[in-house]
């Protein structure tokens, strides 16, 4: 074949491919811009919240660290979120205790898992954070000097809008000072490290205005000029409900900075505890699968950077978080662990090229791999009709869920789905 002929063929392939990838922008409720697309093989999307530095008798995750890190991997995760609590590392001023954290960082990196480190938790000797900003700077400096070569992502505090994590008397002003100090220290060590504004607890829709008032008070103090991204914890916004919250957050942030920010969900989970508090049930386990997968898919489609599931394993005593794990306390796998691994495999091979909210209970995502093959993720009663409308002519797709395969869908025939409307279906 001559060089000229090769050029003509190549140009024809490019033109045809561009037509296949084109989507109807009018239908695109949750658009995915090129900047939101992660090529196959890129950094992992999923992570798990852990307490791997915890050594208390009732919840000694540190003693199980190797097994739990293996569970992160087998569950489709490439990240862990774990604390570097000031109160644990420096329980007495000037007395640093590194033993657990040295081992944890080493073992995690040996397993090729990345760490989102949370810098948080005032020690008892810090009565008023306002008067210990130099001590905070020293602490962060010590942590970054010791672990900065192995930890590239940092979240500054956990849920500072809750009194139990940040003292209300200290106020937003002092918290923003702590964020700025930490960011300065981290960026001085490595300008390419990621600094996240601490994830806020997102109450339900009735509390949304107060949530955004808190964010705006932070943003007005120029905190976004020091951060690469914003973390948040939208437990009350599963699936499609997440989209309006995300859109409001991005628009609010854009009022205060022209920087391109990353958005991380650093906690999202579903409690599978029965009302009597003593056990879980198949119904609640299915709900955990549904809400985690639907929320992760929506967040990916609208541009989310990372999705961290709370949590990896149940703690060992009866309290509010006992049944949020994708593993039970004996490390037994719940269905959500398998389901996340299934979805992580899909996201590892496909780009999101289009998405649409069809109705309040139906969402559809179009995917494409490196070879130009099209696939889809849907749920809801009208999902399969959307796929049939969008799939190429004279083709058939095999629908699968994380644990089942169903009869094929053809582009030119009738189809009766054998799955219920909440099931997340991958069409390939």
Protein backbone atom coordinates (compact mmCIF):
# COMPACT_ATOMS: atom_id res chain seq x y z
CA UNK A 1 0.00 0.00 0.00
CA UNK A 2 1.41 3.41 -0.95
CA UNK A 3 1.95 6.17 1.64
CA UNK A 4 -0.82 8.21 0.02
CA UNK A 5 -3.29 5.30 0.20
CA UNK A 6 -2.40 4.67 3.87
CA UNK A 7 -3.07 8.35 4.60
CA UNK A 8 -6.51 8.24 2.92
CA UNK A 9 -7.47 5.07 4.82
CA UNK A 10 -6.31 6.56 8.12
CA UNK A 11 -8.28 9.77 7.50
CA UNK A 12 -11.40 7.75 6.67
CA UNK A 13 -11.07 5.73 9.93
CA UNK A 14 -10.69 8.90 11.98
CA UNK A 15 -13.75 10.50 10.39
CA UNK A 16 -15.90 7.40 10.90
CA UNK A 17 -14.75 7.04 14.51
CA UNK A 18 -15.58 10.65 15.28
CA UNK A 19 -19.11 10.13 13.97
CA UNK A 20 -19.57 7.03 16.17
CA UNK A 21 -18.45 8.87 19.26
CA UNK A 22 -20.64 11.91 18.72
CA UNK A 23 -23.53 12.22 21.18
CA UNK A 24 -26.66 14.32 21.37
CA UNK A 25 -25.80 17.18 23.73
CA UNK A 26 -29.45 17.98 24.25
CA UNK A 27 -29.89 14.58 25.89
CA UNK A 28 -26.81 14.88 28.06
CA UNK A 29 -28.13 15.80 31.51
CA UNK A 30 -24.86 14.92 33.22
CA UNK A 31 -22.21 15.71 30.58
CA UNK A 32 -18.72 14.29 30.70
CA UNK A 33 -16.11 16.65 29.32
CA UNK A 34 -12.76 15.41 27.96
CA UNK A 35 -11.12 16.66 31.14
CA UNK A 36 -13.20 14.20 33.14
CA UNK A 37 -12.16 11.13 31.17
CA UNK A 38 -9.61 8.81 32.68
CA UNK A 39 -7.94 6.63 30.05
CA UNK A 40 -7.82 2.89 30.68
CA UNK A 41 -4.94 2.03 33.00
CA UNK A 42 -5.06 5.43 34.70
CA UNK A 43 -5.11 5.93 38.45
CA UNK A 44 -7.76 3.93 40.32
CA UNK A 45 -11.22 5.35 40.84
CA UNK A 46 -12.23 3.28 43.87
CA UNK A 47 -10.78 3.26 47.34
CA UNK A 48 -11.81 2.10 50.80
CA UNK A 49 -11.87 3.93 54.09
CA UNK A 50 -9.92 1.97 56.70
CA UNK A 51 -8.74 2.25 60.28
CA UNK A 52 -5.54 0.35 59.64
CA UNK A 53 -3.62 2.28 62.28
CA UNK A 54 -6.18 1.29 64.94
CA UNK A 55 -4.84 -1.16 67.54
CA UNK A 56 -7.58 -1.23 70.19
CA UNK A 57 -8.65 -4.67 71.37
CA UNK A 58 -12.19 -4.44 69.95
CA UNK A 59 -11.03 -3.29 66.50
CA UNK A 60 -7.40 -4.11 65.80
CA UNK A 61 -7.28 -3.50 62.05
CA UNK A 62 -3.52 -3.02 62.26
CA UNK A 63 -3.07 -6.67 63.23
CA UNK A 64 -4.98 -7.66 60.05
CA UNK A 65 -3.33 -5.10 57.78
CA UNK A 66 -1.94 -7.54 55.21
CA UNK A 67 -5.20 -9.44 54.86
CA UNK A 68 -7.21 -6.21 54.69
CA UNK A 69 -4.95 -4.69 52.05
CA UNK A 70 -5.43 -7.85 50.00
CA UNK A 71 -9.19 -7.33 50.39
CA UNK A 72 -8.82 -3.76 49.11
CA UNK A 73 -7.19 -5.12 45.97
CA UNK A 74 -9.65 -7.97 45.45
CA UNK A 75 -12.50 -5.48 45.97
CA UNK A 76 -11.38 -3.29 43.08
CA UNK A 77 -9.69 -0.63 45.20
CA UNK A 78 -6.42 1.09 44.46
CA UNK A 79 -6.61 3.55 47.37
CA UNK A 80 -7.06 3.46 51.08
CA UNK A 81 -8.17 6.44 53.11
CA UNK A 82 -6.67 6.30 56.55
CA UNK A 83 -5.95 8.73 59.33
CA UNK A 84 -2.65 10.17 60.50
CA UNK A 85 -4.15 11.51 63.73
CA UNK A 86 -2.20 14.21 65.48
CA UNK A 87 -3.37 12.87 68.84
CA UNK A 88 -2.01 9.38 68.06
CA UNK A 89 1.33 10.43 66.58
CA UNK A 90 2.09 13.19 69.11
CA UNK A 91 0.11 12.27 72.25
CA UNK A 92 2.47 14.44 74.29
CA UNK A 93 3.99 17.59 72.92
CA UNK A 94 7.30 16.81 71.26
CA UNK A 95 6.97 13.04 71.82
CA UNK A 96 6.35 11.37 68.44
CA UNK A 97 5.18 7.78 68.07
CA UNK A 98 5.80 6.51 64.53
CA UNK A 99 5.91 2.73 64.94
CA UNK A 100 2.45 1.80 63.66
CA UNK A 101 2.47 4.37 60.87
CA UNK A 102 5.94 3.42 59.61
CA UNK A 103 4.82 -0.17 59.20
CA UNK A 104 1.45 0.77 57.71
CA UNK A 105 2.91 3.04 55.02
CA UNK A 106 5.57 0.47 54.09
CA UNK A 107 3.16 -2.46 53.82
CA UNK A 108 0.58 -0.45 51.89
CA UNK A 109 3.06 0.69 49.28
CA UNK A 110 4.49 -2.83 49.01
CA UNK A 111 0.98 -3.87 47.98
CA UNK A 112 0.93 -1.14 45.30
CA UNK A 113 -1.97 0.63 46.99
CA UNK A 114 -2.05 4.41 47.22
CA UNK A 115 -2.83 6.28 50.42
CA UNK A 116 -5.10 9.23 51.03
CA UNK A 117 -3.79 10.41 54.38
CA UNK A 118 -6.14 12.36 56.64
CA UNK A 119 -4.35 14.88 58.87
CA UNK A 120 -6.70 15.46 61.79
CA UNK A 121 -7.60 14.91 65.47
CA UNK A 122 -6.41 17.39 68.08
CA UNK A 123 -4.29 15.92 70.89
CA UNK A 124 -5.46 16.46 74.47
CA UNK A 125 -2.71 18.97 75.11
CA UNK A 126 -4.20 21.29 72.47
CA UNK A 127 -6.96 23.00 74.44
CA UNK A 128 -7.49 25.80 71.93
CA UNK A 129 -6.33 25.26 68.30
CA UNK A 130 -5.94 29.01 67.80
CA UNK A 131 -2.89 29.04 70.09
CA UNK A 132 -1.21 25.95 68.59
CA UNK A 133 -0.80 26.83 64.94
CA UNK A 134 2.99 26.61 65.13
CA UNK A 135 2.64 23.19 66.76
CA UNK A 136 0.33 22.13 63.91
CA UNK A 137 2.86 23.33 61.35
CA UNK A 138 5.58 21.36 63.12
CA UNK A 139 3.44 18.21 63.24
CA UNK A 140 2.52 18.37 59.54
CA UNK A 141 6.15 19.01 58.67
CA UNK A 142 7.23 15.93 60.60
CA UNK A 143 4.62 13.75 58.88
CA UNK A 144 5.46 15.01 55.40
CA UNK A 145 9.20 14.70 55.94
CA UNK A 146 8.74 11.10 57.04
CA UNK A 147 6.09 9.90 54.59
CA UNK A 148 6.02 12.41 51.76
CA UNK A 149 7.90 10.14 49.37
CA UNK A 150 5.22 7.44 49.73
CA UNK A 151 2.01 9.42 50.29
CA UNK A 152 0.97 11.88 47.57
CA UNK A 153 -2.61 12.68 48.58
CA UNK A 154 -3.70 14.45 51.76
CA UNK A 155 -7.07 15.44 53.18
CA UNK A 156 -7.00 18.18 55.80
CA UNK A 157 -9.32 17.09 58.58
CA UNK A 158 -12.40 14.92 58.67
CA UNK A 159 -15.89 16.46 58.79
CA UNK A 160 -14.86 19.75 60.39
CA UNK A 161 -18.49 20.89 60.30
CA UNK A 162 -19.25 18.43 63.13
CA UNK A 163 -18.48 19.37 66.73
CA UNK A 164 -17.10 15.91 67.51
CA UNK A 165 -14.26 16.44 65.01
CA UNK A 166 -13.58 20.19 65.12
CA UNK A 167 -14.44 22.31 68.17
CA UNK A 168 -17.14 24.82 67.36
CA UNK A 169 -15.51 27.39 69.64
CA UNK A 170 -12.44 27.34 67.39
CA UNK A 171 -14.59 28.34 64.42
CA UNK A 172 -14.24 28.20 60.68
CA UNK A 173 -11.53 30.85 60.67
CA UNK A 174 -9.05 28.74 62.63
CA UNK A 175 -9.88 25.64 60.60
CA UNK A 176 -9.07 27.49 57.37
CA UNK A 177 -5.79 28.61 58.93
CA UNK A 178 -4.98 24.97 59.65
CA UNK A 179 -5.78 24.02 56.04
CA UNK A 180 -3.55 26.76 54.67
CA UNK A 181 -0.67 25.84 56.98
CA UNK A 182 -0.88 22.17 56.03
CA UNK A 183 -1.10 22.98 52.32
CA UNK A 184 1.95 25.24 52.50
CA UNK A 185 4.00 22.53 54.19
CA UNK A 186 2.86 19.79 51.80
CA UNK A 187 3.42 21.86 48.65
CA UNK A 188 6.84 23.00 49.84
CA UNK A 189 7.83 19.33 49.95
CA UNK A 190 6.21 18.41 46.62
CA UNK A 191 4.13 20.87 44.58
CA UNK A 192 2.51 17.94 42.75
CA UNK A 193 0.96 16.42 45.88
CA UNK A 194 -2.82 16.60 46.13
CA UNK A 195 -4.32 18.62 48.98
CA UNK A 196 -8.04 18.20 49.65
CA UNK A 197 -10.27 20.41 51.73
CA UNK A 198 -11.62 18.18 54.50
CA UNK A 199 -14.74 16.25 53.61
CA UNK A 200 -17.87 17.75 55.13
CA UNK A 201 -20.71 15.64 56.48
CA UNK A 202 -23.58 16.26 54.06
CA UNK A 203 -26.91 16.11 55.85
CA UNK A 204 -30.17 15.52 54.01
CA UNK A 205 -31.86 17.96 51.68
CA UNK A 206 -33.46 19.89 54.55
CA UNK A 207 -29.97 20.68 55.86
CA UNK A 208 -28.44 21.46 52.49
CA UNK A 209 -28.59 25.23 52.85
CA UNK A 210 -26.65 25.16 56.12
CA UNK A 211 -24.10 22.84 54.48
CA UNK A 212 -23.52 25.33 51.69
CA UNK A 213 -23.35 28.23 54.11
CA UNK A 214 -20.46 26.43 55.78
CA UNK A 215 -18.74 25.83 52.44
CA UNK A 216 -19.17 29.45 51.41
CA UNK A 217 -17.66 30.68 54.67
CA UNK A 218 -14.63 28.52 53.91
CA UNK A 219 -14.43 29.65 50.29
CA UNK A 220 -14.67 33.34 51.22
CA UNK A 221 -11.45 32.92 53.19
CA UNK A 222 -9.61 31.93 49.97
CA UNK A 223 -9.10 28.36 51.14
CA UNK A 224 -9.58 27.08 47.58
CA UNK A 225 -6.39 28.86 46.50
CA UNK A 226 -4.52 26.42 48.74
CA UNK A 227 -6.35 23.22 47.80
CA UNK A 228 -6.37 21.01 44.72
CA UNK A 229 -9.79 19.64 45.42
CA UNK A 230 -12.84 19.37 47.64
CA UNK A 231 -13.84 16.24 49.53
CA UNK A 232 -17.39 15.55 50.67
CA UNK A 233 -19.47 12.77 52.26
CA UNK A 234 -22.87 12.51 50.55
CA UNK A 235 -24.39 9.59 52.47
CA UNK A 236 -27.87 11.08 52.09
CA UNK A 237 -27.56 11.53 48.32
CA UNK A 238 -27.43 8.07 46.74
CA UNK A 239 -27.61 7.51 43.01
CA UNK A 240 -29.26 10.19 40.91
CA UNK A 241 -29.80 12.42 43.98
CA UNK A 242 -26.05 13.06 44.00
CA UNK A 243 -26.12 14.99 40.72
CA UNK A 244 -27.94 18.09 41.97
CA UNK A 245 -25.73 18.29 45.07
CA UNK A 246 -22.58 18.00 42.95
CA UNK A 247 -23.77 20.60 40.47
CA UNK A 248 -24.54 23.06 43.25
CA UNK A 249 -21.14 22.45 44.85
CA UNK A 250 -19.17 22.97 41.64
CA UNK A 251 -21.09 26.15 40.79
CA UNK A 252 -20.56 27.50 44.32
CA UNK A 253 -16.82 26.81 44.19
CA UNK A 254 -16.52 28.48 40.79
CA UNK A 255 -17.77 31.73 42.33
CA UNK A 256 -14.62 31.88 44.45
CA UNK A 257 -11.85 30.50 42.23
CA UNK A 258 -11.04 30.01 38.58
CA UNK A 259 -8.79 27.05 39.36
CA UNK A 260 -9.72 23.61 38.08
CA UNK A 261 -10.56 21.57 41.16
CA UNK A 262 -10.84 17.85 41.76
CA UNK A 263 -13.91 16.49 43.53
CA UNK A 264 -13.50 13.44 45.74
CA UNK A 265 -16.14 11.51 47.61
CA UNK A 266 -14.00 10.41 50.54
CA UNK A 267 -16.83 8.66 52.38
CA UNK A 268 -19.94 6.99 51.05
CA UNK A 269 -21.52 3.89 52.50
CA UNK A 270 -24.73 2.07 53.30
CA UNK A 271 -25.62 0.66 56.71
CA UNK A 272 -26.97 -2.88 56.46
CA UNK A 273 -28.04 -3.12 60.10
CA UNK A 274 -31.57 -4.25 60.82
CA UNK A 275 -33.69 -1.97 63.02
CA UNK A 276 -33.15 -4.21 66.02
CA UNK A 277 -29.43 -3.55 65.65
CA UNK A 278 -28.28 -7.15 65.91
CA UNK A 279 -27.94 -8.41 62.34
CA UNK A 280 -28.21 -7.65 58.65
CA UNK A 281 -30.53 -9.11 55.99
CA UNK A 282 -30.49 -10.02 52.27
CA UNK A 283 -32.71 -7.02 51.52
CA UNK A 284 -30.28 -4.60 53.15
CA UNK A 285 -27.27 -6.27 51.54
CA UNK A 286 -28.92 -5.74 48.13
CA UNK A 287 -29.57 -2.11 49.07
CA UNK A 288 -25.87 -1.69 49.88
CA UNK A 289 -24.93 -3.01 46.43
CA UNK A 290 -27.49 -0.83 44.68
CA UNK A 291 -26.68 2.46 46.40
CA UNK A 292 -22.89 2.10 46.24
CA UNK A 293 -22.86 1.14 42.56
CA UNK A 294 -25.47 3.67 41.43
CA UNK A 295 -23.76 6.51 43.31
CA UNK A 296 -20.32 5.55 42.02
CA UNK A 297 -21.58 5.42 38.43
CA UNK A 298 -23.30 8.81 38.68
CA UNK A 299 -20.22 10.40 40.23
CA UNK A 300 -17.95 8.98 37.53
CA UNK A 301 -20.30 10.18 34.79
CA UNK A 302 -20.42 13.78 36.05
CA UNK A 303 -16.68 14.13 36.54
CA UNK A 304 -15.84 12.82 40.01
CA UNK A 305 -12.17 12.03 40.60
CA UNK A 306 -12.18 9.37 43.34
CA UNK A 307 -14.87 7.38 45.13
CA UNK A 308 -13.97 6.02 48.56
CA UNK A 309 -16.31 3.57 50.22
CA UNK A 310 -17.00 3.69 53.93
CA UNK A 311 -15.94 1.26 54.95
CA UNK A 312 -13.80 -1.78 54.28
CA UNK A 313 -14.58 -3.89 57.35
CA UNK A 314 -17.04 -3.76 60.23
CA UNK A 315 -15.63 -2.78 63.61
CA UNK A 316 -15.85 -5.31 66.37
CA UNK A 317 -18.38 -3.78 68.69
CA UNK A 318 -21.99 -2.74 68.50
CA UNK A 319 -22.19 0.90 67.40
CA UNK A 320 -23.51 3.01 64.55
CA UNK A 321 -20.89 1.92 62.01
CA UNK A 322 -21.01 -1.79 62.76
CA UNK A 323 -22.70 -2.80 59.50
CA UNK A 324 -21.29 -0.38 56.93
CA UNK A 325 -18.40 -2.63 55.91
CA UNK A 326 -18.21 -4.53 52.64
CA UNK A 327 -16.57 -7.15 54.83
CA UNK A 328 -18.05 -8.35 58.08
CA UNK A 329 -15.93 -8.32 61.22
CA UNK A 330 -14.59 -11.81 60.44
CA UNK A 331 -13.49 -10.60 56.97
CA UNK A 332 -16.36 -12.42 55.29
CA UNK A 333 -17.24 -10.84 51.94
CA UNK A 334 -20.58 -9.13 51.53
CA UNK A 335 -22.03 -8.89 48.00
CA UNK A 336 -20.99 -5.22 47.73
CA UNK A 337 -17.31 -6.23 47.85
CA UNK A 338 -17.76 -8.40 44.75
CA UNK A 339 -19.97 -5.80 43.07
CA UNK A 340 -17.44 -2.98 43.45
CA UNK A 341 -14.70 -5.20 42.01
CA UNK A 342 -16.96 -5.88 39.01
CA UNK A 343 -17.61 -2.18 38.40
CA UNK A 344 -13.94 -1.29 38.90
CA UNK A 345 -13.08 -3.75 36.15
CA UNK A 346 -15.50 -2.01 33.79
CA UNK A 347 -14.14 1.45 34.59
CA UNK A 348 -10.61 0.11 34.10
CA UNK A 349 -11.36 -0.67 30.45
CA UNK A 350 -13.87 1.95 29.34
CA UNK A 351 -14.25 5.71 29.09
CA UNK A 352 -17.54 7.43 29.87
CA UNK A 353 -18.65 9.20 26.68
CA UNK A 354 -22.27 10.09 27.43
CA UNK A 355 -24.82 9.87 30.22
CA UNK A 356 -28.47 10.70 30.72
CA UNK A 357 -30.98 10.91 33.54
CA UNK A 358 -34.01 9.35 31.89
CA UNK A 359 -36.38 9.77 34.83
CA UNK A 360 -36.12 9.95 38.61
CA UNK A 361 -35.27 6.26 38.83
CA UNK A 362 -33.47 5.61 35.54
CA UNK A 363 -29.91 6.45 34.53
CA UNK A 364 -27.87 5.41 31.52
CA UNK A 365 -24.18 5.71 30.68
CA UNK A 366 -22.47 5.12 27.37
CA UNK A 367 -18.93 3.74 27.46
CA UNK A 368 -16.19 3.21 24.88
CA UNK A 369 -12.95 1.27 25.01
CA UNK A 370 -9.62 1.87 23.27
CA UNK A 371 -10.74 -0.15 20.27
CA UNK A 372 -13.89 1.90 19.79
CA UNK A 373 -16.24 -0.76 21.14
CA UNK A 374 -19.38 0.62 22.78
CA UNK A 375 -20.91 -0.61 26.01
CA UNK A 376 -23.51 0.73 28.43
CA UNK A 377 -24.39 0.84 32.11
CA UNK A 378 -28.04 1.33 33.06
CA UNK A 379 -30.64 0.84 35.72
CA UNK A 380 -34.33 1.59 35.85
CA UNK A 381 -37.35 0.39 33.92
CA UNK A 382 -36.51 2.34 30.76
CA UNK A 383 -32.78 1.58 30.76
CA UNK A 384 -32.90 -1.26 28.26
CA UNK A 385 -35.06 0.83 25.89
CA UNK A 386 -32.42 3.59 26.02
CA UNK A 387 -29.73 1.05 25.15
CA UNK A 388 -31.77 -0.37 22.28
CA UNK A 389 -32.22 3.14 20.93
CA UNK A 390 -28.51 3.95 21.11
CA UNK A 391 -26.89 0.64 20.15
CA UNK A 392 -25.55 0.19 16.59
CA UNK A 393 -27.82 -1.52 14.05
CA UNK A 394 -27.57 -5.24 13.42
CA UNK A 395 -25.89 -5.95 16.72
CA UNK A 396 -26.69 -7.71 19.95
CA UNK A 397 -25.56 -6.99 23.50
CA UNK A 398 -25.26 -9.36 26.43
CA UNK A 399 -26.58 -7.81 29.67
CA UNK A 400 -24.86 -8.82 32.90
CA UNK A 401 -25.08 -7.72 36.51
CA UNK A 402 -22.24 -8.26 38.96
CA UNK A 403 -23.47 -11.79 39.63
CA UNK A 404 -25.66 -12.85 36.67
CA UNK A 405 -25.86 -13.00 32.87
CA UNK A 406 -29.15 -12.49 31.04
CA UNK A 407 -30.54 -13.15 27.57
CA UNK A 408 -29.19 -11.01 24.75
CA UNK A 409 -30.69 -7.73 23.54
CA UNK A 410 -30.85 -7.31 19.75
CA UNK A 411 -31.15 -4.00 17.97
CA UNK A 412 -34.11 -5.13 15.86
CA UNK A 413 -36.30 -7.18 18.22
CA UNK A 414 -38.54 -6.97 21.25
CA UNK A 415 -36.95 -7.48 24.66
CA UNK A 416 -38.38 -8.45 28.01
CA UNK A 417 -35.90 -7.85 30.81
CA UNK A 418 -35.45 -10.60 33.39
CA UNK A 419 -34.01 -8.22 35.98
CA UNK A 420 -35.70 -5.73 38.30
CA UNK A 421 -35.46 -2.00 37.81
CA UNK A 422 -32.89 -1.43 40.58
CA UNK A 423 -30.36 -3.87 39.11
CA UNK A 424 -27.26 -2.23 37.61
CA UNK A 425 -26.80 -3.77 34.15
CA UNK A 426 -23.68 -3.75 31.98
CA UNK A 427 -24.46 -4.15 28.26
CA UNK A 428 -21.54 -5.42 26.19
